[in-house]
Amino acid sequence: MNEMLFSAVTLLIFLGIGYYMYYMNFVFPKKHGVPYIIRFDELEVAPNIRENNNLRGKIVIISQSPDNMTWEVKSKVINDRVIKQTLMNDYNLADRQVHISGEARWAYEQNKA
């Protein structure tokens, strides 16, 4: 009897963990969007991505640094590779000039300090 109860509880725990992982990897990003940090390097003047027609409607800008070198955006539609490729193509940037990470707000706040 105890073994069956232990097995049932263990199964429920694994099902819960599996559902949580599924939800966080597939459902949550489609529903709420994935946050990204965009950082430009080796530029005298950073592009203003608010004015980018190819990204309009695909990303939501959450915040930006005063010099436009760091942006926090969220997207339900496109991933970090598509955002980076779009920025490189639209502004004639090299790979080393655009850095995108899927980190949350705390990463931006650490970079500001």
PDB file of N, CA and C in Angstrom:
ATOM      1  N   MET A   1       0.818  -1.197   0.000  1.00  0.00           N
ATOM      2  CA  MET A   1       0.000   0.000   0.000  1.00  0.00           C
ATOM      3  C   MET A   1       0.865   1.266   0.000  1.00  0.00           C
ATOM      4  N   ASN A   2       1.906   1.288   0.856  1.00  0.00           N
ATOM      5  CA  ASN A   2       2.795   2.443   0.899  1.00  0.00           C
ATOM      6  C   ASN A   2       3.564   2.611  -0.406  1.00  0.00           C
ATOM      7  N   GLU A   3       3.931   1.501  -1.021  1.00  0.00           N
ATOM      8  CA  GLU A   3       4.660   1.573  -2.288  1.00  0.00           C
ATOM      9  C   GLU A   3       3.782   2.150  -3.389  1.00  0.00           C
ATOM     10  N   MET A   4       2.504   1.793  -3.402  1.00  0.00           N
ATOM     11  CA  MET A   4       1.583   2.339  -4.411  1.00  0.00           C
ATOM     12  C   MET A   4       1.376   3.832  -4.188  1.00  0.00           C
ATOM     13  N   LEU A   5       1.240   4.241  -2.945  1.00  0.00           N
ATOM     14  CA  LEU A   5       1.071   5.656  -2.635  1.00  0.00           C
ATOM     15  C   LEU A   5       2.323   6.435  -3.031  1.00  0.00           C
ATOM     16  N   PHE A   6       3.489   5.898  -2.703  1.00  0.00           N
ATOM     17  CA  PHE A   6       4.751   6.532  -3.075  1.00  0.00           C
ATOM     18  C   PHE A   6       4.877   6.639  -4.592  1.00  0.00           C
ATOM     19  N   SER A   7       4.517   5.576  -5.306  1.00  0.00           N
ATOM     20  CA  SER A   7       4.580   5.586  -6.773  1.00  0.00           C
ATOM     21  C   SER A   7       3.624   6.614  -7.355  1.00  0.00           C
ATOM     22  N   ALA A   8       2.421   6.705  -6.809  1.00  0.00           N
ATOM     23  CA  ALA A   8       1.437   7.667  -7.308  1.00  0.00           C
ATOM     24  C   ALA A   8       1.908   9.098  -7.065  1.00  0.00           C
ATOM     25  N   VAL A   9       2.442   9.372  -5.882  1.00  0.00           N
ATOM     26  CA  VAL A   9       2.942  10.713  -5.570  1.00  0.00           C
ATOM     27  C   VAL A   9       4.125  11.057  -6.468  1.00  0.00           C
ATOM     28  N   THR A  10       5.033  10.117  -6.664  1.00  0.00           N
ATOM     29  CA  THR A  10       6.186  10.339  -7.539  1.00  0.00           C
ATOM     30  C   THR A  10       5.737  10.616  -8.969  1.00  0.00           C
ATOM     31  N   LEU A  11       4.763   9.856  -9.448  1.00  0.00           N
ATOM     32  CA  LEU A  11       4.236  10.069 -10.793  1.00  0.00           C
ATOM     33  C   LEU A  11       3.613  11.453 -10.917  1.00  0.00           C
ATOM     34  N   LEU A  12       2.848  11.872  -9.925  1.00  0.00           N
ATOM     35  CA  LEU A  12       2.235  13.202  -9.951  1.00  0.00           C
ATOM     36  C   LEU A  12       3.289  14.308  -9.939  1.00  0.00           C
ATOM     37  N   ILE A  13       4.341  14.110  -9.179  1.00  0.00           N
ATOM     38  CA  ILE A  13       5.418  15.106  -9.151  1.00  0.00           C
ATOM     39  C   ILE A  13       6.078  15.218 -10.520  1.00  0.00           C
ATOM     40  N   PHE A  14       6.389  14.079 -11.140  1.00  0.00           N
ATOM     41  CA  PHE A  14       7.008  14.112 -12.470  1.00  0.00           C
ATOM     42  C   PHE A  14       6.070  14.704 -13.516  1.00  0.00           C
ATOM     43  N   LEU A  15       4.783  14.402 -13.430  1.00  0.00           N
ATOM     44  CA  LEU A  15       3.816  15.003 -14.354  1.00  0.00           C
ATOM     45  C   LEU A  15       3.749  16.510 -14.156  1.00  0.00           C
ATOM     46  N   GLY A  16       3.780  16.949 -12.910  1.00  0.00           N
ATOM     47  CA  GLY A  16       3.765  18.383 -12.622  1.00  0.00           C
ATOM     48  C   GLY A  16       4.989  19.087 -13.169  1.00  0.00           C
ATOM     49  N   ILE A  17       6.147  18.483 -12.974  1.00  0.00           N
ATOM     50  CA  ILE A  17       7.385  19.065 -13.499  1.00  0.00           C
ATOM     51  C   ILE A  17       7.357  19.091 -15.023  1.00  0.00           C
ATOM     52  N   GLY A  18       6.882  18.024 -15.644  1.00  0.00           N
ATOM     53  CA  GLY A  18       6.785  17.977 -17.103  1.00  0.00           C
ATOM     54  C   GLY A  18       5.846  19.035 -17.647  1.00  0.00           C
ATOM     55  N   TYR A  19       4.699  19.214 -16.997  1.00  0.00           N
ATOM     56  CA  TYR A  19       3.751  20.240 -17.442  1.00  0.00           C
ATOM     57  C   TYR A  19       4.354  21.628 -17.279  1.00  0.00           C
ATOM     58  N   TYR A  20       5.028  21.868 -16.160  1.00  0.00           N
ATOM     59  CA  TYR A  20       5.651  23.165 -15.923  1.00  0.00           C
ATOM     60  C   TYR A  20       6.688  23.470 -17.004  1.00  0.00           C
ATOM     61  N   MET A  21       7.527  22.488 -17.331  1.00  0.00           N
ATOM     62  CA  MET A  21       8.541  22.700 -18.363  1.00  0.00           C
ATOM     63  C   MET A  21       7.893  22.946 -19.722  1.00  0.00           C
ATOM     64  N   TYR A  22       6.852  22.191 -20.044  1.00  0.00           N
ATOM     65  CA  TYR A  22       6.135  22.396 -21.302  1.00  0.00           C
ATOM     66  C   TYR A  22       5.539  23.797 -21.345  1.00  0.00           C
ATOM     67  N   TYR A  23       4.873  24.187 -20.275  1.00  0.00           N
ATOM     68  CA  TYR A  23       4.217  25.498 -20.222  1.00  0.00           C
ATOM     69  C   TYR A  23       5.235  26.622 -20.368  1.00  0.00           C
ATOM     70  N   MET A  24       6.344  26.554 -19.647  1.00  0.00           N
ATOM     71  CA  MET A  24       7.330  27.626 -19.671  1.00  0.00           C
ATOM     72  C   MET A  24       8.084  27.696 -20.996  1.00  0.00           C
ATOM     73  N   ASN A  25       8.210  26.582 -21.707  1.00  0.00           N
ATOM     74  CA  ASN A  25       8.949  26.593 -22.966  1.00  0.00           C
ATOM     75  C   ASN A  25       8.078  26.823 -24.191  1.00  0.00           C
ATOM     76  N   PHE A  26       6.799  26.483 -24.135  1.00  0.00           N
ATOM     77  CA  PHE A  26       5.960  26.568 -25.331  1.00  0.00           C
ATOM     78  C   PHE A  26       4.751  27.486 -25.168  1.00  0.00           C
ATOM     79  N   VAL A  27       4.060  27.408 -24.050  1.00  0.00           N
ATOM     80  CA  VAL A  27       2.832  28.184 -23.880  1.00  0.00           C
ATOM     81  C   VAL A  27       3.136  29.610 -23.444  1.00  0.00           C
ATOM     82  N   PHE A  28       3.942  29.785 -22.419  1.00  0.00           N
ATOM     83  CA  PHE A  28       4.221  31.104 -21.868  1.00  0.00           C
ATOM     84  C   PHE A  28       4.831  32.061 -22.895  1.00  0.00           C
ATOM     85  N   PRO A  29       5.865  31.648 -23.650  1.00  0.00           N
ATOM     86  CA  PRO A  29       6.436  32.581 -24.631  1.00  0.00           C
ATOM     87  C   PRO A  29       5.434  33.024 -25.701  1.00  0.00           C
ATOM     88  N   LYS A  30       4.568  32.131 -26.151  1.00  0.00           N
ATOM     89  CA  LYS A  30       3.584  32.494 -27.173  1.00  0.00           C
ATOM     90  C   LYS A  30       2.526  33.435 -26.611  1.00  0.00           C
ATOM     91  N   LYS A  31       2.243  33.293 -25.333  1.00  0.00           N
ATOM     92  CA  LYS A  31       1.196  34.097 -24.704  1.00  0.00           C
ATOM     93  C   LYS A  31       1.711  35.458 -24.242  1.00  0.00           C
ATOM     94  N   HIS A  32       2.917  35.485 -23.668  1.00  0.00           N
ATOM     95  CA  HIS A  32       3.432  36.703 -23.058  1.00  0.00           C
ATOM     96  C   HIS A  32       4.634  37.304 -23.775  1.00  0.00           C
ATOM     97  N   GLY A  33       5.300  36.543 -24.604  1.00  0.00           N
ATOM     98  CA  GLY A  33       6.492  37.029 -25.284  1.00  0.00           C
ATOM     99  C   GLY A  33       7.758  36.695 -24.516  1.00  0.00           C
ATOM    100  N   VAL A  34       8.862  36.649 -25.238  1.00  0.00           N
ATOM    101  CA  VAL A  34      10.163  36.336 -24.653  1.00  0.00           C
ATOM    102  C   VAL A  34      10.963  37.631 -24.561  1.00  0.00           C
ATOM    103  N   PRO A  35      11.532  37.936 -23.379  1.00  0.00           N
ATOM    104  CA  PRO A  35      12.327  39.165 -23.265  1.00  0.00           C
ATOM    105  C   PRO A  35      13.739  38.971 -23.823  1.00  0.00           C
ATOM    106  N   TYR A  36      14.236  39.994 -24.494  1.00  0.00           N
ATOM    107  CA  TYR A  36      15.591  39.977 -25.037  1.00  0.00           C
ATOM    108  C   TYR A  36      16.281  41.287 -24.695  1.00  0.00           C
ATOM    109  N   ILE A  37      17.589  41.220 -24.512  1.00  0.00           N
ATOM    110  CA  ILE A  37      18.424  42.401 -24.357  1.00  0.00           C
ATOM    111  C   ILE A  37      19.217  42.559 -25.651  1.00  0.00           C
ATOM    112  N   ILE A  38      19.097  43.713 -26.284  1.00  0.00           N
ATOM    113  CA  ILE A  38      19.861  44.020 -27.499  1.00  0.00           C
ATOM    114  C   ILE A  38      20.923  45.038 -27.109  1.00  0.00           C
ATOM    115  N   ARG A  39      22.171  44.730 -27.442  1.00  0.00           N
ATOM    116  CA  ARG A  39      23.266  45.632 -27.119  1.00  0.00           C
ATOM    117  C   ARG A  39      24.099  45.863 -28.375  1.00  0.00           C
ATOM    118  N   PHE A  40      24.379  47.126 -28.664  1.00  0.00           N
ATOM    119  CA  PHE A  40      25.203  47.487 -29.814  1.00  0.00           C
ATOM    120  C   PHE A  40      26.607  47.832 -29.331  1.00  0.00           C
ATOM    121  N   ASP A  41      27.616  47.399 -30.084  1.00  0.00           N
ATOM    122  CA  ASP A  41      29.019  47.688 -29.768  1.00  0.00           C
ATOM    123  C   ASP A  41      29.701  48.274 -30.996  1.00  0.00           C
ATOM    124  N   GLU A  42      30.771  49.015 -30.740  1.00  0.00           N
ATOM    125  CA  GLU A  42      31.629  49.554 -31.793  1.00  0.00           C
ATOM    126  C   GLU A  42      30.865  50.445 -32.768  1.00  0.00           C
ATOM    127  N   LEU A  43      29.937  51.236 -32.253  1.00  0.00           N
ATOM    128  CA  LEU A  43      29.186  52.181 -33.080  1.00  0.00           C
ATOM    129  C   LEU A  43      29.313  53.573 -32.484  1.00  0.00           C
ATOM    130  N   GLU A  44      29.434  54.570 -33.347  1.00  0.00           N
ATOM    131  CA  GLU A  44      29.437  55.941 -32.844  1.00  0.00           C
ATOM    132  C   GLU A  44      28.023  56.376 -32.490  1.00  0.00           C
ATOM    133  N   VAL A  45      27.076  56.020 -33.342  1.00  0.00           N
ATOM    134  CA  VAL A  45      25.670  56.347 -33.101  1.00  0.00           C
ATOM    135  C   VAL A  45      24.867  55.070 -33.277  1.00  0.00           C
ATOM    136  N   ALA A  46      24.168  54.691 -32.237  1.00  0.00           N
ATOM    137  CA  ALA A  46      23.367  53.465 -32.301  1.00  0.00           C
ATOM    138  C   ALA A  46      22.070  53.731 -33.051  1.00  0.00           C
ATOM    139  N   PRO A  47      21.569  52.750 -33.770  1.00  0.00           N
ATOM    140  CA  PRO A  47      20.300  52.924 -34.481  1.00  0.00           C
ATOM    141  C   PRO A  47      19.124  52.998 -33.507  1.00  0.00           C
ATOM    142  N   ASN A  48      18.120  53.736 -33.906  1.00  0.00           N
ATOM    143  CA  ASN A  48      16.893  53.819 -33.119  1.00  0.00           C
ATOM    144  C   ASN A  48      15.944  52.749 -33.648  1.00  0.00           C
ATOM    145  N   ILE A  49      15.840  51.641 -32.945  1.00  0.00           N
ATOM    146  CA  ILE A  49      15.053  50.525 -33.469  1.00  0.00           C
ATOM    147  C   ILE A  49      13.551  50.773 -33.373  1.00  0.00           C
ATOM    148  N   ARG A  50      13.147  51.843 -32.695  1.00  0.00           N
ATOM    149  CA  ARG A  50      11.713  52.205 -32.694  1.00  0.00           C
ATOM    150  C   ARG A  50      11.239  52.543 -34.112  1.00  0.00           C
ATOM    151  N   GLU A  51      12.154  53.030 -34.927  1.00  0.00           N
ATOM    152  CA  GLU A  51      11.810  53.462 -36.281  1.00  0.00           C
ATOM    153  C   GLU A  51      12.006  52.370 -37.327  1.00  0.00           C
ATOM    154  N   ASN A  52      12.353  51.163 -36.913  1.00  0.00           N
ATOM    155  CA  ASN A  52      12.614  50.079 -37.851  1.00  0.00           C
ATOM    156  C   ASN A  52      11.300  49.455 -38.320  1.00  0.00           C
ATOM    157  N   ASN A  53      11.000  49.614 -39.602  1.00  0.00           N
ATOM    158  CA  ASN A  53       9.744  49.096 -40.158  1.00  0.00           C
ATOM    159  C   ASN A  53       9.697  47.574 -40.197  1.00  0.00           C
ATOM    160  N   ASN A  54      10.839  46.922 -40.344  1.00  0.00           N
ATOM    161  CA  ASN A  54      10.855  45.457 -40.406  1.00  0.00           C
ATOM    162  C   ASN A  54      10.604  44.803 -39.051  1.00  0.00           C
ATOM    163  N   LEU A  55      10.816  45.534 -37.959  1.00  0.00           N
ATOM    164  CA  LEU A  55      10.564  44.994 -36.624  1.00  0.00           C
ATOM    165  C   LEU A  55       9.243  45.486 -36.035  1.00  0.00           C
ATOM    166  N   ARG A  56       8.666  46.490 -36.650  1.00  0.00           N
ATOM    167  CA  ARG A  56       7.416  47.058 -36.130  1.00  0.00           C
ATOM    168  C   ARG A  56       6.322  45.994 -36.122  1.00  0.00           C
ATOM    169  N   GLY A  57       5.672  45.843 -34.981  1.00  0.00           N
ATOM    170  CA  GLY A  57       4.615  44.854 -34.831  1.00  0.00           C
ATOM    171  C   GLY A  57       5.119  43.472 -34.452  1.00  0.00           C
ATOM    172  N   LYS A  58       6.432  43.277 -34.526  1.00  0.00           N
ATOM    173  CA  LYS A  58       7.015  41.976 -34.180  1.00  0.00           C
ATOM    174  C   LYS A  58       7.696  41.993 -32.818  1.00  0.00           C
ATOM    175  N   ILE A  59       8.105  43.181 -32.373  1.00  0.00           N
ATOM    176  CA  ILE A  59       8.704  43.314 -31.049  1.00  0.00           C
ATOM    177  C   ILE A  59       7.996  44.429 -30.294  1.00  0.00           C
ATOM    178  N   VAL A  60       8.062  44.341 -28.980  1.00  0.00           N
ATOM    179  CA  VAL A  60       7.569  45.403 -28.103  1.00  0.00           C
ATOM    180  C   VAL A  60       8.783  45.934 -27.358  1.00  0.00           C
ATOM    181  N   ILE A  61       9.006  47.230 -27.418  1.00  0.00           N
ATOM    182  CA  ILE A  61      10.143  47.829 -26.730  1.00  0.00           C
ATOM    183  C   ILE A  61       9.731  48.121 -25.295  1.00  0.00           C
ATOM    184  N   ILE A  62      10.485  47.560 -24.364  1.00  0.00           N
ATOM    185  CA  ILE A  62      10.189  47.740 -22.948  1.00  0.00           C
ATOM    186  C   ILE A  62      10.970  48.925 -22.394  1.00  0.00           C
ATOM    187  N   SER A  63      12.262  48.997 -22.725  1.00  0.00           N
ATOM    188  CA  SER A  63      13.078  50.117 -22.259  1.00  0.00           C
ATOM    189  C   SER A  63      14.297  50.258 -23.158  1.00  0.00           C
ATOM    190  N   GLN A  64      14.970  51.388 -22.999  1.00  0.00           N
ATOM    191  CA  GLN A  64      16.188  51.640 -23.759  1.00  0.00           C
ATOM    192  C   GLN A  64      17.107  52.513 -22.921  1.00  0.00           C
ATOM    193  N   SER A  65      18.391  52.422 -23.196  1.00  0.00           N
ATOM    194  CA  SER A  65      19.354  53.277 -22.504  1.00  0.00           C
ATOM    195  C   SER A  65      19.340  54.655 -23.170  1.00  0.00           C
ATOM    196  N   PRO A  66      19.797  55.691 -22.477  1.00  0.00           N
ATOM    197  CA  PRO A  66      19.790  57.044 -23.056  1.00  0.00           C
ATOM    198  C   PRO A  66      20.580  57.162 -24.359  1.00  0.00           C
ATOM    199  N   ASP A  67      21.645  56.382 -24.501  1.00  0.00           N
ATOM    200  CA  ASP A  67      22.449  56.464 -25.724  1.00  0.00           C
ATOM    201  C   ASP A  67      22.005  55.473 -26.804  1.00  0.00           C
ATOM    202  N   ASN A  68      20.891  54.767 -26.582  1.00  0.00           N
ATOM    203  CA  ASN A  68      20.330  53.780 -27.523  1.00  0.00           C
ATOM    204  C   ASN A  68      21.252  52.591 -27.784  1.00  0.00           C
ATOM    205  N   MET A  69      22.250  52.389 -26.945  1.00  0.00           N
ATOM    206  CA  MET A  69      23.167  51.262 -27.146  1.00  0.00           C
ATOM    207  C   MET A  69      22.627  49.968 -26.541  1.00  0.00           C
ATOM    208  N   THR A  70      21.663  50.059 -25.625  1.00  0.00           N
ATOM    209  CA  THR A  70      21.072  48.884 -24.993  1.00  0.00           C
ATOM    210  C   THR A  70      19.561  49.027 -25.001  1.00  0.00           C
ATOM    211  N   TRP A  71      18.898  47.971 -25.459  1.00  0.00           N
ATOM    212  CA  TRP A  71      17.436  47.954 -25.531  1.00  0.00           C
ATOM    213  C   TRP A  71      16.924  46.685 -24.867  1.00  0.00           C
ATOM    214  N   GLU A  72      15.799  46.795 -24.212  1.00  0.00           N
ATOM    215  CA  GLU A  72      15.099  45.610 -23.718  1.00  0.00           C
ATOM    216  C   GLU A  72      13.811  45.504 -24.515  1.00  0.00           C
ATOM    217  N   VAL A  73      13.627  44.380 -25.187  1.00  0.00           N
ATOM    218  CA  VAL A  73      12.446  44.167 -26.027  1.00  0.00           C
ATOM    219  C   VAL A  73      11.803  42.835 -25.662  1.00  0.00           C
ATOM    220  N   LYS A  74      10.596  42.646 -26.163  1.00  0.00           N
ATOM    221  CA  LYS A  74       9.881  41.387 -25.958  1.00  0.00           C
ATOM    222  C   LYS A  74       9.237  41.025 -27.285  1.00  0.00           C
ATOM    223  N   SER A  75       9.221  39.733 -27.603  1.00  0.00           N
ATOM    224  CA  SER A  75       8.601  39.293 -28.848  1.00  0.00           C
ATOM    225  C   SER A  75       7.860  37.982 -28.653  1.00  0.00           C
ATOM    226  N   LYS A  76       6.654  37.939 -29.221  1.00  0.00           N
ATOM    227  CA  LYS A  76       5.874  36.703 -29.263  1.00  0.00           C
ATOM    228  C   LYS A  76       6.053  36.012 -30.609  1.00  0.00           C
ATOM    229  N   VAL A  77       6.569  36.749 -31.591  1.00  0.00           N
ATOM    230  CA  VAL A  77       6.543  36.311 -32.984  1.00  0.00           C
ATOM    231  C   VAL A  77       7.894  35.812 -33.484  1.00  0.00           C
ATOM    232  N   ILE A  78       8.965  36.545 -33.212  1.00  0.00           N
ATOM    233  CA  ILE A  78      10.275  36.195 -33.759  1.00  0.00           C
ATOM    234  C   ILE A  78      11.268  35.945 -32.623  1.00  0.00           C
ATOM    235  N   ASN A  79      12.331  35.199 -32.937  1.00  0.00           N
ATOM    236  CA  ASN A  79      13.328  34.879 -31.917  1.00  0.00           C
ATOM    237  C   ASN A  79      14.549  35.788 -32.047  1.00  0.00           C
ATOM    238  N   ASP A  80      15.522  35.562 -31.185  1.00  0.00           N
ATOM    239  CA  ASP A  80      16.702  36.413 -31.141  1.00  0.00           C
ATOM    240  C   ASP A  80      17.515  36.379 -32.430  1.00  0.00           C
ATOM    241  N   ARG A  81      17.582  35.229 -33.083  1.00  0.00           N
ATOM    242  CA  ARG A  81      18.353  35.148 -34.338  1.00  0.00           C
ATOM    243  C   ARG A  81      17.729  36.008 -35.433  1.00  0.00           C
ATOM    244  N   VAL A  82      16.406  36.000 -35.518  1.00  0.00           N
ATOM    245  CA  VAL A  82      15.722  36.804 -36.540  1.00  0.00           C
ATOM    246  C   VAL A  82      15.879  38.287 -36.234  1.00  0.00           C
ATOM    247  N   ILE A  83      15.777  38.655 -34.965  1.00  0.00           N
ATOM    248  CA  ILE A  83      15.964  40.062 -34.587  1.00  0.00           C
ATOM    249  C   ILE A  83      17.371  40.518 -34.959  1.00  0.00           C
ATOM    250  N   LYS A  84      18.368  39.713 -34.620  1.00  0.00           N
ATOM    251  CA  LYS A  84      19.755  40.083 -34.912  1.00  0.00           C
ATOM    252  C   LYS A  84      19.995  40.195 -36.410  1.00  0.00           C
ATOM    253  N   GLN A  85      19.519  39.224 -37.177  1.00  0.00           N
ATOM    254  CA  GLN A  85      19.717  39.259 -38.627  1.00  0.00           C
ATOM    255  C   GLN A  85      19.023  40.469 -39.246  1.00  0.00           C
ATOM    256  N   THR A  86      17.845  40.798 -38.762  1.00  0.00           N
ATOM    257  CA  THR A  86      17.122  41.969 -39.266  1.00  0.00           C
ATOM    258  C   THR A  86      17.901  43.245 -38.980  1.00  0.00           C
ATOM    259  N   LEU A  87      18.411  43.390 -37.761  1.00  0.00           N
ATOM    260  CA  LEU A  87      19.196  44.579 -37.418  1.00  0.00           C
ATOM    261  C   LEU A  87      20.473  44.660 -38.245  1.00  0.00           C
ATOM    262  N   MET A  88      21.149  43.534 -38.433  1.00  0.00           N
ATOM    263  CA  MET A  88      22.380  43.531 -39.229  1.00  0.00           C
ATOM    264  C   MET A  88      22.097  43.923 -40.676  1.00  0.00           C
ATOM    265  N   ASN A  89      21.022  43.402 -41.245  1.00  0.00           N
ATOM    266  CA  ASN A  89      20.689  43.713 -42.637  1.00  0.00           C
ATOM    267  C   ASN A  89      20.229  45.155 -42.806  1.00  0.00           C
ATOM    268  N   ASP A  90      19.377  45.620 -41.907  1.00  0.00           N
ATOM    269  CA  ASP A  90      18.799  46.957 -42.057  1.00  0.00           C
ATOM    270  C   ASP A  90      19.799  48.079 -41.806  1.00  0.00           C
ATOM    271  N   TYR A  91      20.767  47.850 -40.929  1.00  0.00           N
ATOM    272  CA  TYR A  91      21.710  48.910 -40.567  1.00  0.00           C
ATOM    273  C   TYR A  91      23.141  48.608 -41.005  1.00  0.00           C
ATOM    274  N   ASN A  92      23.332  47.593 -41.855  1.00  0.00           N
ATOM    275  CA  ASN A  92      24.661  47.216 -42.358  1.00  0.00           C
ATOM    276  C   ASN A  92      25.667  47.023 -41.222  1.00  0.00           C
ATOM    277  N   LEU A  93      25.289  46.210 -40.245  1.00  0.00           N
ATOM    278  CA  LEU A  93      26.145  45.951 -39.092  1.00  0.00           C
ATOM    279  C   LEU A  93      26.798  44.581 -39.216  1.00  0.00           C
ATOM    280  N   ALA A  94      27.968  44.450 -38.620  1.00  0.00           N
ATOM    281  CA  ALA A  94      28.657  43.157 -38.561  1.00  0.00           C
ATOM    282  C   ALA A  94      28.139  42.366 -37.363  1.00  0.00           C
ATOM    283  N   ASP A  95      28.418  41.089 -37.377  1.00  0.00           N
ATOM    284  CA  ASP A  95      27.968  40.199 -36.304  1.00  0.00           C
ATOM    285  C   ASP A  95      28.468  40.662 -34.936  1.00  0.00           C
ATOM    286  N   ARG A  96      29.691  41.161 -34.878  1.00  0.00           N
ATOM    287  CA  ARG A  96      30.286  41.572 -33.603  1.00  0.00           C
ATOM    288  C   ARG A  96      29.689  42.877 -33.061  1.00  0.00           C
ATOM    289  N   GLN A  97      28.916  43.591 -33.868  1.00  0.00           N
ATOM    290  CA  GLN A  97      28.352  44.867 -33.437  1.00  0.00           C
ATOM    291  C   GLN A  97      26.975  44.744 -32.791  1.00  0.00           C
ATOM    292  N   VAL A  98      26.337  43.595 -32.913  1.00  0.00           N
ATOM    293  CA  VAL A  98      25.005  43.381 -32.342  1.00  0.00           C
ATOM    294  C   VAL A  98      25.050  42.154 -31.443  1.00  0.00           C
ATOM    295  N   HIS A  99      24.649  42.337 -30.203  1.00  0.00           N
ATOM    296  CA  HIS A  99      24.603  41.229 -29.244  1.00  0.00           C
ATOM    297  C   HIS A  99      23.188  41.139 -28.692  1.00  0.00           C
ATOM    298  N   ILE A 100      22.623  39.941 -28.733  1.00  0.00           N
ATOM    299  CA  ILE A 100      21.273  39.734 -28.214  1.00  0.00           C
ATOM    300  C   ILE A 100      21.307  38.559 -27.253  1.00  0.00           C
ATOM    301  N   SER A 101      20.742  38.780 -26.092  1.00  0.00           N
ATOM    302  CA  SER A 101      20.641  37.695 -25.117  1.00  0.00           C
ATOM    303  C   SER A 101      19.200  37.593 -24.644  1.00  0.00           C
ATOM    304  N   GLY A 102      18.813  36.404 -24.276  1.00  0.00           N
ATOM    305  CA  GLY A 102      17.456  36.163 -23.805  1.00  0.00           C
ATOM    306  C   GLY A 102      17.336  36.336 -22.308  1.00  0.00           C
ATOM    307  N   GLU A 103      18.041  37.294 -21.759  1.00  0.00           N
ATOM    308  CA  GLU A 103      18.011  37.512 -20.322  1.00  0.00           C
ATOM    309  C   GLU A 103      16.884  38.466 -19.960  1.00  0.00           C
ATOM    310  N   ALA A 104      16.496  38.418 -18.718  1.00  0.00           N
ATOM    311  CA  ALA A 104      15.388  39.242 -18.247  1.00  0.00           C
ATOM    312  C   ALA A 104      15.878  40.623 -17.815  1.00  0.00           C
ATOM    313  N   ARG A 105      14.992  41.399 -17.227  1.00  0.00           N
ATOM    314  CA  ARG A 105      15.252  42.791 -16.863  1.00  0.00           C
ATOM    315  C   ARG A 105      16.479  42.956 -15.960  1.00  0.00           C
ATOM    316  N   TRP A 106      16.745  42.023 -15.067  1.00  0.00           N
ATOM    317  CA  TRP A 106      17.866  42.187 -14.137  1.00  0.00           C
ATOM    318  C   TRP A 106      19.189  42.321 -14.875  1.00  0.00           C
ATOM    319  N   ALA A 107      19.335  41.707 -16.044  1.00  0.00           N
ATOM    320  CA  ALA A 107      20.588  41.797 -16.798  1.00  0.00           C
ATOM    321  C   ALA A 107      20.801  43.222 -17.289  1.00  0.00           C
ATOM    322  N   TYR A 108      19.735  43.877 -17.725  1.00  0.00           N
ATOM    323  CA  TYR A 108      19.833  45.258 -18.191  1.00  0.00           C
ATOM    324  C   TYR A 108      20.220  46.169 -17.030  1.00  0.00           C
ATOM    325  N   GLU A 109      19.626  45.947 -15.871  1.00  0.00           N
ATOM    326  CA  GLU A 109      19.900  46.791 -14.720  1.00  0.00           C
ATOM    327  C   GLU A 109      21.332  46.602 -14.243  1.00  0.00           C
ATOM    328  N   GLN A 110      21.893  45.392 -14.356  1.00  0.00           N
ATOM    329  CA  GLN A 110      23.285  45.177 -13.982  1.00  0.00           C
ATOM    330  C   GLN A 110      24.214  45.893 -14.954  1.00  0.00           C
ATOM    331  N   ASN A 111      23.870  45.909 -16.246  1.00  0.00           N
ATOM    332  CA  ASN A 111      24.716  46.564 -17.246  1.00  0.00           C
ATOM    333  C   ASN A 111      24.684  48.079 -17.099  1.00  0.00           C
ATOM    334  N   LYS A 112      23.605  48.635 -16.561  1.00  0.00           N
ATOM    335  CA  LYS A 112      23.501  50.079 -16.390  1.00  0.00           C
ATOM    336  C   LYS A 112      24.454  50.590 -15.322  1.00  0.00           C
ATOM    337  N   ALA A 113      24.719  49.770 -14.314  1.00  0.00           N
ATOM    338  CA  ALA A 113      25.539  50.222 -13.173  1.00  0.00           C
ATOM    339  C   ALA A 113      26.992  50.373 -13.531  1.00  0.00           C
TER     340      ALA A 113
END
